[in-house]
Amino acid sequence: MALFDTRSKDIRNLPGFGLTATLAVAFLYAPILFLVLYSFNSGRSISRLDGLSWQWYQAVFANEEIAGAALNSVLLAVIAASVATVMATAAALAMVRMKVRRRAAAYAVLNFPLMVPEIVTAIASLIFFSSVGLGLGFGSLVIAHTTFCIPFAYLPITARLTSMDPALESAAADLYARPWRRFTLITLPLLAPGLISGWLLAFIVSLDDFIISSMLSGPGSTTLPVHIYSMLRLGITPEVNAVSSLMVAASALVVIISGLIARKQT
């Protein structure tokens, strides 16, 4: 009887769930599949497939402007994700292992970038940097991206830290291990899957960001999403499809790796 009740409450057993889920997935991913397909078009048309060719991918790798924008995006994402992961780790340790006053308010502040529309964050950052006299460019992008990425790194790190047994650290303390030694030999290795997963999520969020980057990028600090948008204003060509397909592939790879790491830690 209990098994019957459990199955009856499973959403997958509802009439029409399979068809609805299939249509939703097709609606979300069919445009991406067409994008990838037309990136191999041998002609310049984006609505007629004239044949298959690698020429647009060769054009992307030979384009110095795309290479420069990609380098800016990767460098920005690495720095922002690394700093955000360190700050998120400190925040997670304080929230989980220490007695924090007004915990709900602190949690809301940490996750504020997730709750506020990104355009609001971008405009607020632009106004703030202009008010304090900090010019637009790579430095402003690093600060804004780091702030925006902190909650994405914080959530998997907190989930991992919550699942860890605090008795291990207590046992190390009973054996006269100093706090820093307990952290480096016990807490940090056990926390590593959450750190890696959080870093990867922060990295891909920064790499794919367009709104904040478009507001704060200056000469010489154009990121790849902003450069792709500038290419679209000149007309969509299969070269745009090719560079967009590469971005999709990179994002999917990072998300898959992050998911696999998250599965191993559970």
C-alpha atoms as a PDB file:
ATOM      1  CA  MET A   1       0.000   0.000   0.000  1.00  0.00           C
ATOM      2  CA  ALA A   2       2.849   2.375   0.828  1.00  0.00           C
ATOM      3  CA  LEU A   3       4.501   1.569  -2.498  1.00  0.00           C
ATOM      4  CA  PHE A   4       1.257   2.341  -4.342  1.00  0.00           C
ATOM      5  CA  ASP A   5       0.910   5.685  -2.568  1.00  0.00           C
ATOM      6  CA  THR A   6       4.499   6.634  -3.399  1.00  0.00           C
ATOM      7  CA  ARG A   7       4.082   5.810  -7.079  1.00  0.00           C
ATOM      8  CA  SER A   8       0.757   7.620  -7.280  1.00  0.00           C
ATOM      9  CA  LYS A   9       2.418  10.812  -6.041  1.00  0.00           C
ATOM     10  CA  ASP A  10       5.276  10.546  -8.563  1.00  0.00           C
ATOM     11  CA  ILE A  11       4.902  13.329 -11.133  1.00  0.00           C
ATOM     12  CA  ARG A  12       6.206  10.992 -13.841  1.00  0.00           C
ATOM     13  CA  ASN A  13       3.030   8.905 -13.535  1.00  0.00           C
ATOM     14  CA  LEU A  14       0.722  11.811 -14.329  1.00  0.00           C
ATOM     15  CA  PRO A  15      -1.115  11.523 -17.676  1.00  0.00           C
ATOM     16  CA  GLY A  16       0.687  13.374 -20.443  1.00  0.00           C
ATOM     17  CA  PHE A  17       3.850  14.024 -18.432  1.00  0.00           C
ATOM     18  CA  GLY A  18       6.115  12.234 -20.920  1.00  0.00           C
ATOM     19  CA  LEU A  19       4.735  14.127 -23.919  1.00  0.00           C
ATOM     20  CA  THR A  20       4.879  17.476 -22.120  1.00  0.00           C
ATOM     21  CA  ALA A  21       8.458  16.885 -21.000  1.00  0.00           C
ATOM     22  CA  THR A  22       9.500  15.852 -24.516  1.00  0.00           C
ATOM     23  CA  LEU A  23       7.937  18.946 -26.081  1.00  0.00           C
ATOM     24  CA  ALA A  24       9.554  21.203 -23.459  1.00  0.00           C
ATOM     25  CA  VAL A  25      12.999  19.719 -24.073  1.00  0.00           C
ATOM     26  CA  ALA A  26      12.523  19.994 -27.841  1.00  0.00           C
ATOM     27  CA  PHE A  27      11.432  23.628 -27.507  1.00  0.00           C
ATOM     28  CA  LEU A  28      14.517  24.465 -25.421  1.00  0.00           C
ATOM     29  CA  TYR A  29      17.186  22.558 -27.334  1.00  0.00           C
ATOM     30  CA  ALA A  30      15.995  22.421 -30.963  1.00  0.00           C
ATOM     31  CA  PRO A  31      17.253  25.989 -31.674  1.00  0.00           C
ATOM     32  CA  ILE A  32      20.683  25.050 -30.297  1.00  0.00           C
ATOM     33  CA  LEU A  33      20.811  21.964 -32.532  1.00  0.00           C
ATOM     34  CA  PHE A  34      19.962  24.118 -35.579  1.00  0.00           C
ATOM     35  CA  LEU A  35      22.636  26.598 -34.515  1.00  0.00           C
ATOM     36  CA  VAL A  36      25.261  23.843 -34.445  1.00  0.00           C
ATOM     37  CA  LEU A  37      24.046  22.350 -37.735  1.00  0.00           C
ATOM     38  CA  TYR A  38      24.215  25.642 -39.637  1.00  0.00           C
ATOM     39  CA  SER A  39      27.674  26.364 -38.244  1.00  0.00           C
ATOM     40  CA  PHE A  40      28.854  23.662 -40.681  1.00  0.00           C
ATOM     41  CA  ASN A  41      27.101  25.283 -43.658  1.00  0.00           C
ATOM     42  CA  SER A  42      29.354  25.597 -46.703  1.00  0.00           C
ATOM     43  CA  GLY A  43      27.489  28.739 -47.822  1.00  0.00           C
ATOM     44  CA  ARG A  44      26.802  32.065 -46.109  1.00  0.00           C
ATOM     45  CA  SER A  45      23.064  31.504 -45.685  1.00  0.00           C
ATOM     46  CA  ILE A  46      21.627  30.901 -42.230  1.00  0.00           C
ATOM     47  CA  SER A  47      18.312  29.597 -43.557  1.00  0.00           C
ATOM     48  CA  ARG A  48      19.464  27.224 -46.321  1.00  0.00           C
ATOM     49  CA  LEU A  49      21.958  24.404 -45.864  1.00  0.00           C
ATOM     50  CA  ASP A  50      24.157  24.321 -48.971  1.00  0.00           C
ATOM     51  CA  GLY A  51      26.484  21.600 -47.729  1.00  0.00           C
ATOM     52  CA  LEU A  52      28.791  20.731 -44.876  1.00  0.00           C
ATOM     53  CA  SER A  53      32.136  22.406 -44.333  1.00  0.00           C
ATOM     54  CA  TRP A  54      34.613  23.340 -41.592  1.00  0.00           C
ATOM     55  CA  GLN A  55      35.380  26.708 -43.192  1.00  0.00           C
ATOM     56  CA  TRP A  56      33.566  28.828 -40.595  1.00  0.00           C
ATOM     57  CA  TYR A  57      35.377  27.150 -37.718  1.00  0.00           C
ATOM     58  CA  GLN A  58      38.647  27.794 -39.539  1.00  0.00           C
ATOM     59  CA  ALA A  59      37.598  31.435 -39.913  1.00  0.00           C
ATOM     60  CA  VAL A  60      36.855  31.646 -36.180  1.00  0.00           C
ATOM     61  CA  PHE A  61      40.277  30.281 -35.174  1.00  0.00           C
ATOM     62  CA  ALA A  62      41.971  32.608 -37.663  1.00  0.00           C
ATOM     63  CA  ASN A  63      40.120  35.696 -36.374  1.00  0.00           C
ATOM     64  CA  GLU A  64      42.432  37.627 -34.033  1.00  0.00           C
ATOM     65  CA  GLU A  65      39.596  39.723 -32.587  1.00  0.00           C
ATOM     66  CA  ILE A  66      37.696  36.585 -31.540  1.00  0.00           C
ATOM     67  CA  ALA A  67      40.889  35.113 -30.095  1.00  0.00           C
ATOM     68  CA  GLY A  68      41.528  38.262 -28.072  1.00  0.00           C
ATOM     69  CA  ALA A  69      37.949  38.398 -26.772  1.00  0.00           C
ATOM     70  CA  ALA A  70      38.076  34.688 -25.867  1.00  0.00           C
ATOM     71  CA  LEU A  71      41.332  35.215 -23.982  1.00  0.00           C
ATOM     72  CA  ASN A  72      39.781  38.111 -22.055  1.00  0.00           C
ATOM     73  CA  SER A  73      36.740  35.971 -21.181  1.00  0.00           C
ATOM     74  CA  VAL A  74      38.797  32.999 -19.978  1.00  0.00           C
ATOM     75  CA  LEU A  75      41.204  35.153 -17.951  1.00  0.00           C
ATOM     76  CA  LEU A  76      38.320  37.098 -16.404  1.00  0.00           C
ATOM     77  CA  ALA A  77      36.424  33.895 -15.585  1.00  0.00           C
ATOM     78  CA  VAL A  78      39.468  32.248 -13.971  1.00  0.00           C
ATOM     79  CA  ILE A  79      40.194  35.262 -11.748  1.00  0.00           C
ATOM     80  CA  ALA A  80      36.562  35.909 -10.820  1.00  0.00           C
ATOM     81  CA  ALA A  81      35.821  32.241 -10.115  1.00  0.00           C
ATOM     82  CA  SER A  82      38.960  31.817  -8.009  1.00  0.00           C
ATOM     83  CA  VAL A  83      38.343  34.903  -5.856  1.00  0.00           C
ATOM     84  CA  ALA A  84      34.628  34.119  -5.561  1.00  0.00           C
ATOM     85  CA  THR A  85      35.395  30.538  -4.455  1.00  0.00           C
ATOM     86  CA  VAL A  86      37.754  31.742  -1.722  1.00  0.00           C
ATOM     87  CA  MET A  87      35.210  34.258  -0.436  1.00  0.00           C
ATOM     88  CA  ALA A  88      32.362  31.745  -0.696  1.00  0.00           C
ATOM     89  CA  THR A  89      34.398  29.179   1.256  1.00  0.00           C
ATOM     90  CA  ALA A  90      35.013  31.665   4.066  1.00  0.00           C
ATOM     91  CA  ALA A  91      31.327  32.578   4.117  1.00  0.00           C
ATOM     92  CA  ALA A  92      30.258  28.914   4.141  1.00  0.00           C
ATOM     93  CA  LEU A  93      32.581  28.093   7.034  1.00  0.00           C
ATOM     94  CA  ALA A  94      31.212  31.021   9.006  1.00  0.00           C
ATOM     95  CA  MET A  95      27.569  30.208   8.267  1.00  0.00           C
ATOM     96  CA  VAL A  96      27.797  26.465   8.918  1.00  0.00           C
ATOM     97  CA  ARG A  97      30.437  26.113  11.651  1.00  0.00           C
ATOM     98  CA  MET A  98      30.051  29.359  13.590  1.00  0.00           C
ATOM     99  CA  LYS A  99      27.238  31.113  15.409  1.00  0.00           C
ATOM    100  CA  VAL A 100      26.279  33.978  13.127  1.00  0.00           C
ATOM    101  CA  ARG A 101      23.887  36.632  14.354  1.00  0.00           C
ATOM    102  CA  ARG A 102      20.991  37.410  12.052  1.00  0.00           C
ATOM    103  CA  ARG A 103      21.741  34.320   9.977  1.00  0.00           C
ATOM    104  CA  ALA A 104      18.730  34.868   7.719  1.00  0.00           C
ATOM    105  CA  ALA A 105      19.888  38.391   6.861  1.00  0.00           C
ATOM    106  CA  ALA A 106      23.437  37.162   6.179  1.00  0.00           C
ATOM    107  CA  TYR A 107      22.096  34.407   3.923  1.00  0.00           C
ATOM    108  CA  ALA A 108      19.986  36.939   2.029  1.00  0.00           C
ATOM    109  CA  VAL A 109      23.005  39.199   1.485  1.00  0.00           C
ATOM    110  CA  LEU A 110      25.111  36.289   0.201  1.00  0.00           C
ATOM    111  CA  ASN A 111      22.443  35.251  -2.297  1.00  0.00           C
ATOM    112  CA  PHE A 112      21.363  38.774  -3.227  1.00  0.00           C
ATOM    113  CA  PRO A 113      22.889  38.590  -6.759  1.00  0.00           C
ATOM    114  CA  LEU A 114      20.706  35.538  -7.463  1.00  0.00           C
ATOM    115  CA  MET A 115      17.490  37.295  -6.441  1.00  0.00           C
ATOM    116  CA  VAL A 116      18.070  40.637  -8.180  1.00  0.00           C
ATOM    117  CA  PRO A 117      17.724  40.855 -11.990  1.00  0.00           C
ATOM    118  CA  GLU A 118      21.148  40.924 -13.586  1.00  0.00           C
ATOM    119  CA  ILE A 119      20.426  44.171 -15.439  1.00  0.00           C
ATOM    120  CA  VAL A 120      19.878  45.866 -12.051  1.00  0.00           C
ATOM    121  CA  THR A 121      23.242  44.559 -10.829  1.00  0.00           C
ATOM    122  CA  ALA A 122      24.921  45.775 -14.005  1.00  0.00           C
ATOM    123  CA  ILE A 123      23.439  49.288 -13.825  1.00  0.00           C
ATOM    124  CA  ALA A 124      24.185  49.565 -10.090  1.00  0.00           C
ATOM    125  CA  SER A 125      27.797  48.502 -10.697  1.00  0.00           C
ATOM    126  CA  LEU A 126      28.144  51.021 -13.518  1.00  0.00           C
ATOM    127  CA  ILE A 127      26.812  53.856 -11.339  1.00  0.00           C
ATOM    128  CA  PHE A 128      28.999  52.845  -8.389  1.00  0.00           C
ATOM    129  CA  PHE A 129      32.222  52.603 -10.397  1.00  0.00           C
ATOM    130  CA  SER A 130      31.486  55.927 -12.074  1.00  0.00           C
ATOM    131  CA  SER A 131      30.811  57.555  -8.681  1.00  0.00           C
ATOM    132  CA  VAL A 132      34.079  56.389  -7.108  1.00  0.00           C
ATOM    133  CA  GLY A 133      36.091  57.293 -10.192  1.00  0.00           C
ATOM    134  CA  LEU A 134      36.982  53.737 -11.184  1.00  0.00           C
ATOM    135  CA  GLY A 135      37.098  53.590 -14.962  1.00  0.00           C
ATOM    136  CA  LEU A 136      35.476  50.909 -17.068  1.00  0.00           C
ATOM    137  CA  GLY A 137      37.687  48.019 -18.076  1.00  0.00           C
ATOM    138  CA  PHE A 138      39.127  44.741 -16.901  1.00  0.00           C
ATOM    139  CA  GLY A 139      39.431  45.746 -13.236  1.00  0.00           C
ATOM    140  CA  SER A 140      35.785  46.752 -13.006  1.00  0.00           C
ATOM    141  CA  LEU A 141      34.783  43.522 -14.721  1.00  0.00           C
ATOM    142  CA  VAL A 142      36.759  41.441 -12.207  1.00  0.00           C
ATOM    143  CA  ILE A 143      35.071  43.128  -9.231  1.00  0.00           C
ATOM    144  CA  ALA A 144      31.565  42.880 -10.696  1.00  0.00           C
ATOM    145  CA  HIS A 145      31.950  39.293 -11.910  1.00  0.00           C
ATOM    146  CA  THR A 146      33.419  38.188  -8.574  1.00  0.00           C
ATOM    147  CA  THR A 147      30.484  39.688  -6.690  1.00  0.00           C
ATOM    148  CA  PHE A 148      27.995  38.105  -9.065  1.00  0.00           C
ATOM    149  CA  CYS A 149      29.666  34.653  -8.907  1.00  0.00           C
ATOM    150  CA  ILE A 150      29.907  34.345  -5.100  1.00  0.00           C
ATOM    151  CA  PRO A 151      26.440  32.778  -4.567  1.00  0.00           C
ATOM    152  CA  PHE A 152      27.020  30.272  -7.385  1.00  0.00           C
ATOM    153  CA  ALA A 153      30.170  29.069  -5.623  1.00  0.00           C
ATOM    154  CA  TYR A 154      28.628  29.348  -2.156  1.00  0.00           C
ATOM    155  CA  LEU A 155      25.719  26.951  -2.699  1.00  0.00           C
ATOM    156  CA  PRO A 156      27.659  23.748  -3.622  1.00  0.00           C
ATOM    157  CA  ILE A 157      30.353  24.513  -1.044  1.00  0.00           C
ATOM    158  CA  THR A 158      27.733  24.916   1.684  1.00  0.00           C
ATOM    159  CA  ALA A 159      25.978  21.716   0.606  1.00  0.00           C
ATOM    160  CA  ARG A 160      29.241  19.785   0.852  1.00  0.00           C
ATOM    161  CA  LEU A 161      30.206  21.364   4.173  1.00  0.00           C
ATOM    162  CA  THR A 162      26.802  20.572   5.686  1.00  0.00           C
ATOM    163  CA  SER A 163      27.140  16.889   4.748  1.00  0.00           C
ATOM    164  CA  MET A 164      30.577  16.561   6.369  1.00  0.00           C
ATOM    165  CA  ASP A 165      30.868  14.978   9.814  1.00  0.00           C
ATOM    166  CA  PRO A 166      32.141  17.632  12.293  1.00  0.00           C
ATOM    167  CA  ALA A 167      33.289  14.825  14.588  1.00  0.00           C
ATOM    168  CA  LEU A 168      36.354  14.348  12.351  1.00  0.00           C
ATOM    169  CA  GLU A 169      37.592  17.837  13.128  1.00  0.00           C
ATOM    170  CA  SER A 170      36.754  17.356  16.798  1.00  0.00           C
ATOM    171  CA  ALA A 171      38.828  14.182  16.839  1.00  0.00           C
ATOM    172  CA  ALA A 172      41.752  16.032  15.297  1.00  0.00           C
ATOM    173  CA  ALA A 173      41.405  18.748  17.926  1.00  0.00           C
ATOM    174  CA  ASP A 174      41.480  16.078  20.636  1.00  0.00           C
ATOM    175  CA  LEU A 175      44.801  14.926  19.140  1.00  0.00           C
ATOM    176  CA  TYR A 176      46.167  18.466  19.604  1.00  0.00           C
ATOM    177  CA  ALA A 177      46.030  19.444  15.933  1.00  0.00           C
ATOM    178  CA  ARG A 178      46.099  23.204  15.511  1.00  0.00           C
ATOM    179  CA  PRO A 179      43.166  24.907  13.713  1.00  0.00           C
ATOM    180  CA  TRP A 180      45.147  25.560  10.504  1.00  0.00           C
ATOM    181  CA  ARG A 181      46.416  21.970  10.454  1.00  0.00           C
ATOM    182  CA  ARG A 182      42.894  20.633  10.978  1.00  0.00           C
ATOM    183  CA  PHE A 183      41.682  22.767   8.103  1.00  0.00           C
ATOM    184  CA  THR A 184      44.432  21.780   5.645  1.00  0.00           C
ATOM    185  CA  LEU A 185      44.555  18.053   6.484  1.00  0.00           C
ATOM    186  CA  ILE A 186      40.884  17.286   7.145  1.00  0.00           C
ATOM    187  CA  THR A 187      38.414  20.020   6.198  1.00  0.00           C
ATOM    188  CA  LEU A 188      39.968  21.098   2.912  1.00  0.00           C
ATOM    189  CA  PRO A 189      40.414  17.590   1.389  1.00  0.00           C
ATOM    190  CA  LEU A 190      36.856  16.616   2.345  1.00  0.00           C
ATOM    191  CA  LEU A 191      35.568  19.930   1.013  1.00  0.00           C
ATOM    192  CA  ALA A 192      37.451  19.614  -2.286  1.00  0.00           C
ATOM    193  CA  PRO A 193      34.518  18.246  -4.387  1.00  0.00           C
ATOM    194  CA  GLY A 194      32.352  21.178  -3.314  1.00  0.00           C
ATOM    195  CA  LEU A 195      35.171  23.634  -4.015  1.00  0.00           C
ATOM    196  CA  ILE A 196      35.739  22.247  -7.502  1.00  0.00           C
ATOM    197  CA  SER A 197      32.025  22.173  -8.285  1.00  0.00           C
ATOM    198  CA  GLY A 198      31.552  25.718  -6.996  1.00  0.00           C
ATOM    199  CA  TRP A 199      34.566  26.984  -8.939  1.00  0.00           C
ATOM    200  CA  LEU A 200      33.315  25.413 -12.159  1.00  0.00           C
ATOM    201  CA  LEU A 201      29.851  26.911 -11.747  1.00  0.00           C
ATOM    202  CA  ALA A 202      31.304  30.346 -11.021  1.00  0.00           C
ATOM    203  CA  PHE A 203      33.656  29.991 -13.991  1.00  0.00           C
ATOM    204  CA  ILE A 204      30.911  29.177 -16.473  1.00  0.00           C
ATOM    205  CA  VAL A 205      28.634  31.934 -15.122  1.00  0.00           C
ATOM    206  CA  SER A 206      31.413  34.477 -15.607  1.00  0.00           C
ATOM    207  CA  LEU A 207      32.408  33.069 -19.007  1.00  0.00           C
ATOM    208  CA  ASP A 208      28.855  33.278 -20.378  1.00  0.00           C
ATOM    209  CA  ASP A 209      27.903  36.612 -18.832  1.00  0.00           C
ATOM    210  CA  PHE A 210      26.807  39.303 -21.265  1.00  0.00           C
ATOM    211  CA  ILE A 211      24.763  41.944 -19.442  1.00  0.00           C
ATOM    212  CA  ILE A 212      27.345  42.952 -16.828  1.00  0.00           C
ATOM    213  CA  SER A 213      30.187  42.646 -19.340  1.00  0.00           C
ATOM    214  CA  SER A 214      28.432  44.852 -21.886  1.00  0.00           C
ATOM    215  CA  MET A 215      27.949  47.580 -19.260  1.00  0.00           C
ATOM    216  CA  LEU A 216      31.457  47.568 -17.788  1.00  0.00           C
ATOM    217  CA  SER A 217      33.817  46.495 -20.578  1.00  0.00           C
ATOM    218  CA  GLY A 218      36.145  49.125 -21.971  1.00  0.00           C
ATOM    219  CA  PRO A 219      38.678  49.300 -24.806  1.00  0.00           C
ATOM    220  CA  GLY A 220      40.805  46.177 -24.832  1.00  0.00           C
ATOM    221  CA  SER A 221      38.616  44.327 -22.314  1.00  0.00           C
ATOM    222  CA  THR A 222      35.830  43.131 -24.604  1.00  0.00           C
ATOM    223  CA  THR A 223      34.656  39.644 -23.668  1.00  0.00           C
ATOM    224  CA  LEU A 224      33.572  36.950 -26.098  1.00  0.00           C
ATOM    225  CA  PRO A 225      29.784  37.264 -25.492  1.00  0.00           C
ATOM    226  CA  VAL A 226      30.009  41.032 -26.071  1.00  0.00           C
ATOM    227  CA  HIS A 227      32.057  40.468 -29.239  1.00  0.00           C
ATOM    228  CA  ILE A 228      29.498  37.945 -30.510  1.00  0.00           C
ATOM    229  CA  TYR A 229      26.763  40.532 -30.000  1.00  0.00           C
ATOM    230  CA  SER A 230      28.764  43.077 -31.975  1.00  0.00           C
ATOM    231  CA  MET A 231      29.087  40.514 -34.782  1.00  0.00           C
ATOM    232  CA  LEU A 232      25.301  40.041 -34.800  1.00  0.00           C
ATOM    233  CA  ARG A 233      24.754  43.748 -35.462  1.00  0.00           C
ATOM    234  CA  LEU A 234      26.679  43.352 -38.724  1.00  0.00           C
ATOM    235  CA  GLY A 235      24.494  40.457 -39.840  1.00  0.00           C
ATOM    236  CA  ILE A 236      24.257  36.824 -38.823  1.00  0.00           C
ATOM    237  CA  THR A 237      26.681  34.575 -40.677  1.00  0.00           C
ATOM    238  CA  PRO A 238      27.713  30.948 -40.111  1.00  0.00           C
ATOM    239  CA  GLU A 239      30.851  32.364 -38.433  1.00  0.00           C
ATOM    240  CA  VAL A 240      28.603  33.625 -35.626  1.00  0.00           C
ATOM    241  CA  ASN A 241      27.024  30.176 -35.470  1.00  0.00           C
ATOM    242  CA  ALA A 242      30.468  28.570 -35.225  1.00  0.00           C
ATOM    243  CA  VAL A 243      31.745  30.715 -32.350  1.00  0.00           C
ATOM    244  CA  SER A 244      28.381  30.360 -30.573  1.00  0.00           C
ATOM    245  CA  SER A 245      28.552  26.566 -30.982  1.00  0.00           C
ATOM    246  CA  LEU A 246      32.008  26.566 -29.409  1.00  0.00           C
ATOM    247  CA  MET A 247      30.641  28.572 -26.466  1.00  0.00           C
ATOM    248  CA  VAL A 248      27.766  26.100 -26.070  1.00  0.00           C
ATOM    249  CA  ALA A 249      30.182  23.148 -26.168  1.00  0.00           C
ATOM    250  CA  ALA A 250      32.474  24.726 -23.568  1.00  0.00           C
ATOM    251  CA  SER A 251      29.545  25.556 -21.272  1.00  0.00           C
ATOM    252  CA  ALA A 252      28.060  22.068 -21.603  1.00  0.00           C
ATOM    253  CA  LEU A 253      31.425  20.460 -20.843  1.00  0.00           C
ATOM    254  CA  VAL A 254      31.918  22.498 -17.672  1.00  0.00           C
ATOM    255  CA  VAL A 255      28.345  21.825 -16.485  1.00  0.00           C
ATOM    256  CA  ILE A 256      28.738  18.069 -17.102  1.00  0.00           C
ATOM    257  CA  ILE A 257      32.013  17.981 -15.165  1.00  0.00           C
ATOM    258  CA  SER A 258      30.447  19.938 -12.319  1.00  0.00           C
ATOM    259  CA  GLY A 259      27.470  17.557 -12.269  1.00  0.00           C
ATOM    260  CA  LEU A 260      29.704  14.487 -12.173  1.00  0.00           C
ATOM    261  CA  ILE A 261      31.696  15.938  -9.278  1.00  0.00           C
ATOM    262  CA  ALA A 262      28.479  16.767  -7.424  1.00  0.00           C
ATOM    263  CA  ARG A 263      27.237  13.178  -7.906  1.00  0.00           C
ATOM    264  CA  LYS A 264      30.463  11.726  -6.510  1.00  0.00           C
ATOM    265  CA  GLN A 265      30.239  13.798  -3.344  1.00  0.00           C
ATOM    266  CA  THR A 266      26.714  12.602  -2.482  1.00  0.00           C
END
